[in-house]
Amino acid sequence: MRTVRPLLLAAATLAALLFPPGAVAAGADGRPPIVTGAYIREASDRPEMIDRYAERVGRFPVIVMSYKDWGTIPFSSEQLDAIWNRGGVPMITWEPWTAEEEGIALRHIAAKRWDRYLRRAARSASNWGKPLMVRFAHEMNGDWFPWGRGVNGNTARDFRKAWKHVVDLFRFHGADNVIWVWSPNEDSGGSFQFAPLYPGDEWVDWVALDGFNFGGDEGWPSFTTVFGSTYDRLVALTDRPVMIAETGSSEDGGDKAAWITSALGREAPRFPRVRALVLFDGETPRGDFRVDTSPEALRALRRELDSPTYAGTRQTLLSTPASLPGGAGAPTPPDGGYGAPSLWEELKLKLHGKYLVAAAAALLLGLAVLALLVWAARRRGSRRRRPAPAR
């Protein structure tokens, strides 16, 4: 492993020489390559974890994401420098709750009750000076975070006002180096709509989506099935460049290596406005999305990230145009080849717990009805065959 890191650092240096500031390497279709990134556990406090991640996947992440609450100032120069010095751009997912996960009301943010904290944060970002991305109040269209629409009395108007206030305050205090990333969750076929929550292009630099293949009893959707319809609604809302800000696949219920191969090799590159893709290298209560949950999954990821499609650098990211109009429709989901289980395996995955009891009850009821029908049919048949009485 000691020999791999110098090679990776040398490769990053060579890329910087080949693609100086402002230069963008074009992909096979004329579009620039996709920039990749990752959420890496413990990377904020242990920057060597970034190196270890790069050694595992074979490429340094350009975007290095972390999660920060409102209990501390989120922009530590030491932490940001550790990312920048590795050729990356920090992306802070800035969550408006305390360290104890007590939600901060959006209307209070908009009413300037948190301005003292925000001014300190803005000054720390401005003092650092280099470009950094801030993903404020992500997945706001869901109901699982305190800042979500409809949670704790939050309205779409509250969210828009809070977002605009935060951005305006940062700009007023000279933090023009902050790149603002508006990041809803994929909308589950329209169940979690996000259009009313969009603050407007004046206050947004990138738009992003989160979405996962959770596997197990939640099914095994392709990357395009997860993001396709939501992407179409997103690009109809704005012409800002698009990022996939959190994604990954579980191992539970399908072939993760095949999912990765399909997602990165043939699906993500067909989303015209997707210019960055961030992998979630972590675990949640709903699944284990680490990149190395199996040797096969890690090999598949290394193979796909080695493609020129994902050769985007920091300069690729920072040179992305502010607007990308036109030709933006999502591709058609693949018919197969993304590791989906067979129909029988899917049924076995779904039939567990209370669902297994219900299925067993339905099966017994069906057998009872079938037995009754057979008995009734035989009885009718025996009556027809009975000889007529003698006269």
Protein backbone atom coordinates (compact mmCIF):
# COMPACT_ATOMS: atom_id res chain seq x y z
CA MET A 1 0.00 0.00 0.00
CA ARG A 2 2.96 2.33 0.62
CA THR A 3 3.90 2.15 -3.06
CA VAL A 4 0.37 2.75 -4.32
CA ARG A 5 -0.10 6.14 -2.69
CA PRO A 6 2.96 7.78 -4.36
CA LEU A 7 1.78 6.45 -7.71
CA LEU A 8 -1.67 7.93 -7.17
CA LEU A 9 -0.18 11.25 -6.09
CA ALA A 10 2.06 11.24 -9.15
CA ALA A 11 -0.95 10.53 -11.37
CA ALA A 12 -2.84 13.43 -9.79
CA THR A 13 0.16 15.72 -10.38
CA LEU A 14 0.43 14.59 -14.01
CA ALA A 15 -3.29 15.26 -14.52
CA ALA A 16 -2.85 18.77 -13.16
CA LEU A 17 -0.02 19.37 -15.63
CA LEU A 18 -1.94 17.94 -18.57
CA PHE A 19 -5.12 19.84 -17.67
CA PRO A 20 -4.09 23.24 -16.28
CA PRO A 21 -6.67 25.66 -14.85
CA GLY A 22 -9.49 26.14 -17.30
CA ALA A 23 -8.70 23.01 -19.31
CA VAL A 24 -11.33 20.28 -19.55
CA ALA A 25 -10.73 16.85 -21.08
CA ALA A 26 -13.57 15.94 -23.41
CA GLY A 27 -15.18 12.52 -23.32
CA ALA A 28 -15.88 10.32 -26.31
CA ASP A 29 -19.21 12.07 -26.97
CA GLY A 30 -17.71 15.55 -26.72
CA ARG A 31 -18.93 16.16 -23.18
CA PRO A 32 -16.36 16.61 -20.41
CA PRO A 33 -15.72 13.61 -18.18
CA ILE A 34 -17.79 13.10 -15.06
CA VAL A 35 -16.18 14.23 -11.81
CA THR A 36 -16.32 11.62 -9.05
CA GLY A 37 -16.33 12.04 -5.31
CA ALA A 38 -17.10 10.23 -2.10
CA TYR A 39 -18.37 10.50 1.40
CA ILE A 40 -15.55 8.81 3.33
CA ARG A 41 -16.06 7.88 6.95
CA GLU A 42 -13.82 9.76 9.42
CA ALA A 43 -12.08 11.69 6.64
CA SER A 44 -12.69 15.04 8.33
CA ASP A 45 -10.59 14.12 11.36
CA ARG A 46 -8.34 11.58 9.65
CA PRO A 47 -7.41 12.82 6.16
CA GLU A 48 -5.34 9.70 5.58
CA MET A 49 -8.69 7.98 5.07
CA ILE A 50 -8.90 9.84 1.74
CA ASP A 51 -5.63 8.20 0.70
CA ARG A 52 -6.87 4.79 1.79
CA TYR A 53 -10.07 5.26 -0.19
CA ALA A 54 -8.05 6.23 -3.27
CA GLU A 55 -5.88 3.14 -2.84
CA ARG A 56 -8.98 0.96 -2.70
CA VAL A 57 -10.79 2.38 -5.73
CA GLY A 58 -7.77 3.42 -7.81
CA ARG A 59 -8.65 7.10 -8.14
CA PHE A 60 -8.55 10.09 -5.81
CA PRO A 61 -12.02 11.54 -5.17
CA VAL A 62 -12.32 15.07 -6.53
CA ILE A 63 -15.29 15.90 -4.30
CA VAL A 64 -14.79 14.88 -0.66
CA MET A 65 -18.04 15.18 1.26
CA SER A 66 -18.59 15.48 4.99
CA TYR A 67 -21.58 16.16 7.24
CA LYS A 68 -21.60 19.07 9.69
CA ASP A 69 -24.29 20.14 12.15
CA TRP A 70 -24.95 23.63 13.52
CA GLY A 71 -23.23 22.90 16.81
CA THR A 72 -19.85 23.92 15.38
CA ILE A 73 -18.44 26.19 12.68
CA PRO A 74 -18.35 23.82 9.68
CA PHE A 75 -15.34 25.24 7.84
CA SER A 76 -12.09 24.16 9.44
CA SER A 77 -9.11 25.41 7.44
CA GLU A 78 -7.07 22.37 8.48
CA GLN A 79 -9.74 19.96 7.25
CA LEU A 80 -10.39 21.90 4.06
CA ASP A 81 -6.67 22.16 3.28
CA ALA A 82 -6.26 18.40 3.65
CA ILE A 83 -8.77 17.92 0.83
CA TRP A 84 -7.52 20.76 -1.36
CA ASN A 85 -3.90 19.63 -1.11
CA ARG A 86 -4.94 16.25 -2.51
CA GLY A 87 -6.44 17.84 -5.61
CA GLY A 88 -9.98 17.80 -4.28
CA VAL A 89 -12.83 20.18 -3.52
CA PRO A 90 -14.57 19.96 -0.12
CA MET A 91 -18.34 19.59 -0.06
CA ILE A 92 -19.96 20.26 3.31
CA THR A 93 -23.41 18.80 3.79
CA TRP A 94 -24.57 21.41 6.30
CA GLU A 95 -27.42 20.09 8.43
CA PRO A 96 -29.47 22.64 10.40
CA TRP A 97 -29.70 20.76 13.69
CA THR A 98 -27.65 20.68 16.86
CA ALA A 99 -25.06 18.07 17.78
CA GLU A 100 -27.88 16.31 19.65
CA GLU A 101 -29.92 16.27 16.42
CA GLU A 102 -32.43 18.78 17.72
CA GLY A 103 -33.94 20.49 14.70
CA ILE A 104 -33.60 24.20 14.06
CA ALA A 105 -36.82 25.73 12.74
CA LEU A 106 -36.44 27.08 9.21
CA ARG A 107 -38.62 30.07 10.05
CA HIS A 108 -36.15 31.00 12.82
CA ILE A 109 -33.28 30.92 10.33
CA ALA A 110 -35.24 33.12 7.94
CA ALA A 111 -36.11 35.47 10.84
CA LYS A 112 -32.38 36.04 11.46
CA ARG A 113 -32.32 34.37 14.88
CA TRP A 114 -29.21 32.41 13.87
CA ASP A 115 -27.37 35.28 12.20
CA ARG A 116 -24.57 35.43 14.76
CA TYR A 117 -23.68 31.82 14.03
CA LEU A 118 -24.11 32.32 10.29
CA ARG A 119 -21.85 35.37 10.25
CA ARG A 120 -19.07 33.41 11.96
CA ALA A 121 -19.52 30.57 9.46
CA ALA A 122 -19.49 32.95 6.51
CA ARG A 123 -16.33 34.66 7.70
CA SER A 124 -14.55 31.32 8.18
CA ALA A 125 -15.49 30.26 4.64
CA SER A 126 -14.38 33.62 3.24
CA ASN A 127 -11.09 33.53 5.14
CA TRP A 128 -10.27 30.11 3.68
CA GLY A 129 -10.77 31.65 0.27
CA LYS A 130 -10.66 28.63 -2.02
CA PRO A 131 -13.72 27.12 -3.75
CA LEU A 132 -15.83 24.85 -1.57
CA MET A 133 -19.29 23.39 -2.05
CA VAL A 134 -22.02 23.68 0.56
CA ARG A 135 -25.03 21.38 0.44
CA PHE A 136 -27.38 23.08 2.88
CA ALA A 137 -30.41 21.21 4.33
CA HIS A 138 -30.28 18.29 1.91
CA GLU A 139 -33.20 15.96 1.16
CA MET A 140 -35.59 18.70 2.21
CA ASN A 141 -38.41 17.16 0.16
CA GLY A 142 -38.54 14.15 2.48
CA ASP A 143 -39.99 13.82 5.97
CA TRP A 144 -37.07 12.08 7.71
CA PHE A 145 -35.10 15.21 8.75
CA PRO A 146 -36.30 18.06 11.03
CA TRP A 147 -35.89 20.54 8.16
CA GLY A 148 -38.07 18.48 5.81
CA ARG A 149 -41.18 19.91 4.26
CA GLY A 150 -44.15 19.45 6.58
CA VAL A 151 -41.97 18.47 9.56
CA ASN A 152 -42.20 20.69 12.65
CA GLY A 153 -44.50 23.02 10.76
CA ASN A 154 -42.01 23.70 7.94
CA THR A 155 -43.48 24.99 4.70
CA ALA A 156 -41.97 25.32 1.24
CA ARG A 157 -41.97 29.09 1.74
CA ASP A 158 -40.04 28.69 5.02
CA PHE A 159 -37.41 26.64 3.23
CA ARG A 160 -37.02 29.08 0.35
CA LYS A 161 -36.72 32.04 2.71
CA ALA A 162 -34.19 30.27 4.94
CA TRP A 163 -32.09 29.20 1.93
CA LYS A 164 -32.06 32.68 0.40
CA HIS A 165 -31.19 34.28 3.72
CA VAL A 166 -28.22 31.96 4.29
CA VAL A 167 -26.86 32.51 0.77
CA ASP A 168 -27.39 36.28 0.87
CA LEU A 169 -25.68 36.56 4.25
CA PHE A 170 -22.64 34.57 3.05
CA ARG A 171 -22.32 36.73 -0.04
CA PHE A 172 -22.67 39.92 1.99
CA HIS A 173 -19.75 38.80 4.17
CA GLY A 174 -17.54 38.06 1.17
CA ALA A 175 -17.91 34.27 1.02
CA ASP A 176 -18.23 34.26 -2.77
CA ASN A 177 -16.01 31.18 -2.88
CA VAL A 178 -18.93 29.03 -1.70
CA ILE A 179 -20.65 26.97 -4.41
CA TRP A 180 -24.25 26.34 -3.31
CA VAL A 181 -25.65 22.86 -3.97
CA TRP A 182 -29.43 22.38 -3.71
CA SER A 183 -29.96 18.68 -3.12
CA PRO A 184 -33.37 17.00 -2.78
CA ASN A 185 -33.85 13.26 -2.55
CA GLU A 186 -35.15 11.38 -5.58
CA ASP A 187 -38.88 11.88 -5.33
CA SER A 188 -40.10 8.25 -5.35
CA GLY A 189 -42.27 8.69 -8.41
CA GLY A 190 -43.66 12.05 -7.29
CA SER A 191 -44.39 11.18 -3.64
CA PHE A 192 -41.79 13.71 -2.44
CA GLN A 193 -42.14 16.65 -4.80
CA PHE A 194 -39.46 19.31 -4.68
CA ALA A 195 -40.36 22.04 -7.19
CA PRO A 196 -42.04 24.31 -4.57
CA LEU A 197 -38.84 24.15 -2.49
CA TYR A 198 -36.53 25.50 -5.20
CA PRO A 199 -35.26 28.97 -4.19
CA GLY A 200 -34.33 30.03 -7.74
CA ASP A 201 -31.23 30.03 -9.93
CA GLU A 202 -29.95 33.27 -8.39
CA TRP A 203 -29.30 31.42 -5.13
CA VAL A 204 -28.21 28.01 -6.50
CA ASP A 205 -25.04 26.98 -8.37
CA TRP A 206 -25.57 23.21 -8.70
CA VAL A 207 -28.56 20.96 -8.24
CA ALA A 208 -28.20 17.42 -6.95
CA LEU A 209 -30.09 14.23 -6.20
CA ASP A 210 -29.70 11.50 -3.58
CA GLY A 211 -30.85 7.96 -4.25
CA PHE A 212 -29.86 4.36 -3.47
CA ASN A 213 -30.49 0.77 -4.41
CA PHE A 214 -31.51 -0.42 -0.95
CA GLY A 215 -32.04 -4.01 -2.06
CA GLY A 216 -33.63 -6.59 0.21
CA ASP A 217 -37.39 -6.38 0.46
CA GLU A 218 -37.32 -2.88 -1.07
CA GLY A 219 -36.51 -4.33 -4.49
CA TRP A 220 -33.55 -4.03 -6.86
CA PRO A 221 -34.02 -0.98 -9.12
CA SER A 222 -31.46 0.03 -11.70
CA PHE A 223 -29.62 3.36 -11.37
CA THR A 224 -31.90 4.80 -14.07
CA THR A 225 -35.03 3.55 -12.31
CA VAL A 226 -33.86 5.24 -9.11
CA PHE A 227 -33.09 8.60 -10.73
CA GLY A 228 -34.68 8.79 -14.19
CA SER A 229 -38.12 10.32 -13.62
CA THR A 230 -36.85 12.62 -10.85
CA TYR A 231 -34.00 13.79 -13.08
CA ASP A 232 -36.49 14.72 -15.80
CA ARG A 233 -38.47 16.84 -13.33
CA LEU A 234 -35.28 18.42 -12.00
CA VAL A 235 -33.90 19.52 -15.38
CA ALA A 236 -37.31 20.90 -16.31
CA LEU A 237 -37.06 23.11 -13.22
CA THR A 238 -33.60 24.59 -13.86
CA ASP A 239 -30.68 24.46 -16.29
CA ARG A 240 -28.06 24.30 -13.52
CA PRO A 241 -25.54 21.41 -13.77
CA VAL A 242 -26.59 18.21 -12.01
CA MET A 243 -24.74 16.16 -9.42
CA ILE A 244 -25.62 12.76 -7.97
CA ALA A 245 -24.68 13.69 -4.41
CA GLU A 246 -25.29 10.39 -2.62
CA THR A 247 -25.63 6.97 -4.19
CA GLY A 248 -24.65 3.37 -3.75
CA SER A 249 -25.97 -0.17 -3.70
CA SER A 250 -26.60 -2.77 -1.06
CA GLU A 251 -25.36 -6.36 -1.41
CA ASP A 252 -28.66 -7.67 -0.06
CA GLY A 253 -30.88 -9.26 -2.68
CA GLY A 254 -28.96 -8.97 -5.93
CA ASP A 255 -25.58 -8.70 -7.63
CA LYS A 256 -23.93 -5.49 -6.42
CA ALA A 257 -20.98 -5.81 -8.80
CA ALA A 258 -23.35 -6.03 -11.76
CA TRP A 259 -25.31 -3.04 -10.45
CA ILE A 260 -22.14 -0.94 -10.22
CA THR A 261 -20.98 -2.01 -13.66
CA SER A 262 -24.31 -1.06 -15.20
CA ALA A 263 -24.79 2.15 -13.18
CA LEU A 264 -21.38 3.62 -13.92
CA GLY A 265 -20.60 1.93 -17.21
CA ARG A 266 -23.77 2.35 -19.24
CA GLU A 267 -26.37 4.35 -17.28
CA ALA A 268 -24.93 7.43 -15.52
CA PRO A 269 -23.00 8.60 -18.63
CA ARG A 270 -26.33 8.75 -20.53
CA PHE A 271 -27.75 11.44 -18.22
CA PRO A 272 -26.70 14.52 -20.24
CA ARG A 273 -26.63 17.04 -17.39
CA VAL A 274 -24.95 14.84 -14.76
CA ARG A 275 -21.45 16.25 -14.39
CA ALA A 276 -20.53 14.87 -10.94
CA LEU A 277 -21.24 11.66 -9.03
CA VAL A 278 -20.51 11.14 -5.33
CA LEU A 279 -20.43 7.64 -3.85
CA PHE A 280 -21.59 7.02 -0.28
CA ASP A 281 -18.88 4.88 1.32
CA GLY A 282 -20.73 4.14 4.53
CA GLU A 283 -23.44 2.22 6.33
CA THR A 284 -26.95 3.30 7.28
CA PRO A 285 -29.81 1.50 9.07
CA ARG A 286 -31.20 0.75 5.59
CA GLY A 287 -28.09 -0.82 4.10
CA ASP A 288 -24.35 -1.19 3.80
CA PHE A 289 -23.19 0.93 0.85
CA ARG A 290 -19.45 0.73 1.40
CA VAL A 291 -17.51 0.33 -1.82
CA ASP A 292 -15.74 -2.81 -0.61
CA THR A 293 -18.59 -4.88 0.81
CA SER A 294 -17.33 -7.67 -1.47
CA PRO A 295 -14.20 -8.17 -3.59
CA GLU A 296 -16.42 -8.41 -6.69
CA ALA A 297 -18.10 -5.05 -5.99
CA LEU A 298 -14.75 -3.33 -5.42
CA ARG A 299 -13.27 -4.80 -8.62
CA ALA A 300 -16.28 -3.60 -10.59
CA LEU A 301 -15.93 -0.08 -9.18
CA ARG A 302 -12.19 0.07 -9.85
CA ARG A 303 -12.77 -1.05 -13.43
CA GLU A 304 -15.42 1.60 -14.11
CA LEU A 305 -13.55 4.45 -12.40
CA ASP A 306 -10.52 3.64 -14.55
CA SER A 307 -12.55 4.68 -17.61
CA PRO A 308 -11.90 8.07 -19.27
CA THR A 309 -15.59 8.75 -18.59
CA TYR A 310 -14.65 9.41 -14.95
CA ALA A 311 -11.36 11.22 -15.51
CA GLY A 312 -12.75 14.57 -14.37
CA THR A 313 -10.43 16.69 -12.23
CA ARG A 314 -10.85 19.65 -9.92
CA GLN A 315 -10.50 21.94 -12.90
CA THR A 316 -13.18 19.98 -14.74
CA LEU A 317 -15.50 20.58 -11.80
CA LEU A 318 -14.69 24.26 -11.36
CA SER A 319 -14.93 24.91 -15.12
CA THR A 320 -18.45 23.49 -15.41
CA PRO A 321 -20.73 26.09 -17.05
CA ALA A 322 -23.31 27.70 -14.81
CA SER A 323 -26.12 26.60 -17.13
CA LEU A 324 -26.50 23.53 -19.33
CA PRO A 325 -29.67 24.02 -21.36
CA GLY A 326 -31.23 21.58 -23.78
CA GLY A 327 -31.07 17.86 -24.63
CA ALA A 328 -31.51 16.72 -21.08
CA GLY A 329 -33.89 13.74 -21.02
CA ALA A 330 -33.09 10.70 -18.88
CA PRO A 331 -32.34 7.42 -20.68
CA THR A 332 -34.70 4.45 -20.74
CA PRO A 333 -34.09 2.04 -17.85
CA PRO A 334 -32.22 -1.13 -18.86
CA ASP A 335 -34.19 -4.34 -19.29
CA GLY A 336 -31.56 -6.35 -17.45
CA GLY A 337 -27.89 -6.71 -16.74
CA TYR A 338 -27.88 -4.71 -13.52
CA GLY A 339 -27.83 -7.61 -11.08
CA ALA A 340 -31.54 -7.91 -10.47
CA PRO A 341 -32.58 -11.21 -8.84
CA SER A 342 -34.82 -13.72 -10.58
CA LEU A 343 -38.56 -13.50 -9.99
CA TRP A 344 -38.39 -16.45 -7.60
CA GLU A 345 -35.56 -14.82 -5.61
CA GLU A 346 -37.53 -11.57 -5.46
CA LEU A 347 -40.54 -13.41 -4.08
CA LYS A 348 -38.38 -15.10 -1.45
CA LEU A 349 -36.95 -11.70 -0.45
CA LYS A 350 -40.38 -10.16 -0.11
CA LEU A 351 -41.95 -13.09 1.75
CA HIS A 352 -40.62 -12.69 5.26
CA GLY A 353 -41.97 -11.66 8.65
CA LYS A 354 -45.59 -10.52 8.56
CA TYR A 355 -45.57 -10.87 4.76
CA LEU A 356 -44.66 -14.55 5.10
CA VAL A 357 -47.52 -15.11 7.55
CA ALA A 358 -49.94 -13.34 5.20
CA ALA A 359 -48.67 -15.34 2.21
CA ALA A 360 -48.99 -18.62 4.13
CA ALA A 361 -52.54 -17.71 5.20
CA ALA A 362 -53.45 -16.80 1.62
CA LEU A 363 -51.95 -20.08 0.37
CA LEU A 364 -53.90 -22.13 2.93
CA LEU A 365 -57.09 -20.27 2.09
CA GLY A 366 -56.48 -20.88 -1.61
CA LEU A 367 -55.88 -24.60 -1.03
CA ALA A 368 -59.04 -24.82 1.07
CA VAL A 369 -61.09 -23.12 -1.66
CA LEU A 370 -59.53 -25.40 -4.29
CA ALA A 371 -60.31 -28.50 -2.20
CA LEU A 372 -63.91 -27.33 -1.77
CA LEU A 373 -64.28 -26.77 -5.50
CA VAL A 374 -62.86 -30.22 -6.28
CA TRP A 375 -65.17 -31.83 -3.72
CA ALA A 376 -68.20 -30.02 -5.16
CA ALA A 377 -67.24 -30.98 -8.72
CA ARG A 378 -66.86 -34.63 -7.78
CA ARG A 379 -70.19 -34.64 -5.99
CA ARG A 380 -71.96 -33.21 -9.03
CA GLY A 381 -70.21 -35.80 -11.22
CA SER A 382 -71.27 -38.69 -9.01
CA ARG A 383 -74.90 -37.53 -9.13
CA ARG A 384 -74.86 -37.50 -12.93
CA ARG A 385 -73.40 -41.03 -13.05
CA ARG A 386 -75.97 -42.49 -10.59
CA PRO A 387 -78.24 -45.06 -12.45
CA ALA A 388 -81.87 -44.17 -13.02
CA PRO A 389 -84.35 -45.96 -10.72
CA ALA A 390 -86.12 -49.08 -12.17
CA ARG A 391 -89.78 -48.72 -13.11
